[in-house]
Amino acid sequence: MTGVGDVTVWLEGRVLPGSQARVSALDTGFTLGDGAFETVRVQDGVPLALTRHLSRLAASAAQLGIPAPGPRVVRAGVAELLAAAPGAPAQRLRITVTGGPGPLGPSRADGPATLVLAVAPLGPLPADVGVVRLPWVRNERSALAGVKAVSYAENAQILAEARRHGADEALLANTRGELCEGAAANVFVLLGGRLVTPPLSSGCLPGVTRALVLEATGAVEAPVPYAALDEVEEAFLTSSIRRVASVARIDGRLLLAPRRRTRDAAAALAALLAADPDP
């Protein structure tokens, strides 16, 4: 796990060590959790699917009412940051946009947004993960449904609880009792020979890697009853950092090899990104 000393930050046109970067104590990203972010995998100095990430960032900011900087500004900052930061084969790039400094209380800021870019080395990740079901649900009718918001305490709590159960991730239902997503990943399951991922109407995040896997494989979007997790033949998680991570256990139940559809999805995604890192 990386620490503050491993992070390099771009803020207001300057590249700084993570320990020296500062934003206002009145920034609404801090006081209200009012902001959006993207996490991008950087491979050999190239940010993967950056255009899609910036499109989702703009959509999240628009839903929050934040005047996000344009993609040219963000791309220029990313290029400057990656050129200045220590290199590594794989890196985690975070792009954060907040409402900027504002008044105390629940009112949003009316000034310019704050843009912070940060990058750190990304170490090896396990190929297989264990997941657990937890009693909390996603609200598919939430005002923040589909927004990758900086108010991430709920997700952090879910991940902490999953790890207390000896798992790497949680799988959550929505209020209708349908499978939705993980705390920090989308999910695909093999049921009756069909590879399925919950539709966006389930309340799940419109994951960039989720969309790429849908395009690169024969997977479909369809509602999945949460109880059907007892019957899945195969499952994998998708995220920009993990890409495709095979689910080895659900609530301790071992999913048996060969996990062919997971391997096929991982290979298809790798081929797509090798042909075009910004598809």
Foldseek 3Di string as FASTA:
>chain_A
DDDQQQKWKAWPNDIDRSVPDDADPQFCCNQPLAKAKAKFKAAQLRTFQVVVRQVLRVVLCVLSVAPDDDPVVVVVSSNVHSVPHDDDRMKIKMWMKGQGGDDPDDDGRPDHITIMIMMGHDDDDDQEWAEEEDPDAAELPDSNQQTRTSPLVVLVVQQVVRVVLVTRWYWHFHPVQWTEAISAWWKWFQDPNAIETADSSRSHHPAPLVVLLVVQDVHYHDTHHNVCVVPTLWMWTDHNSSSTHTYQYYSRHGRDDDRVVSVSSSVSSVVVCVVPSND
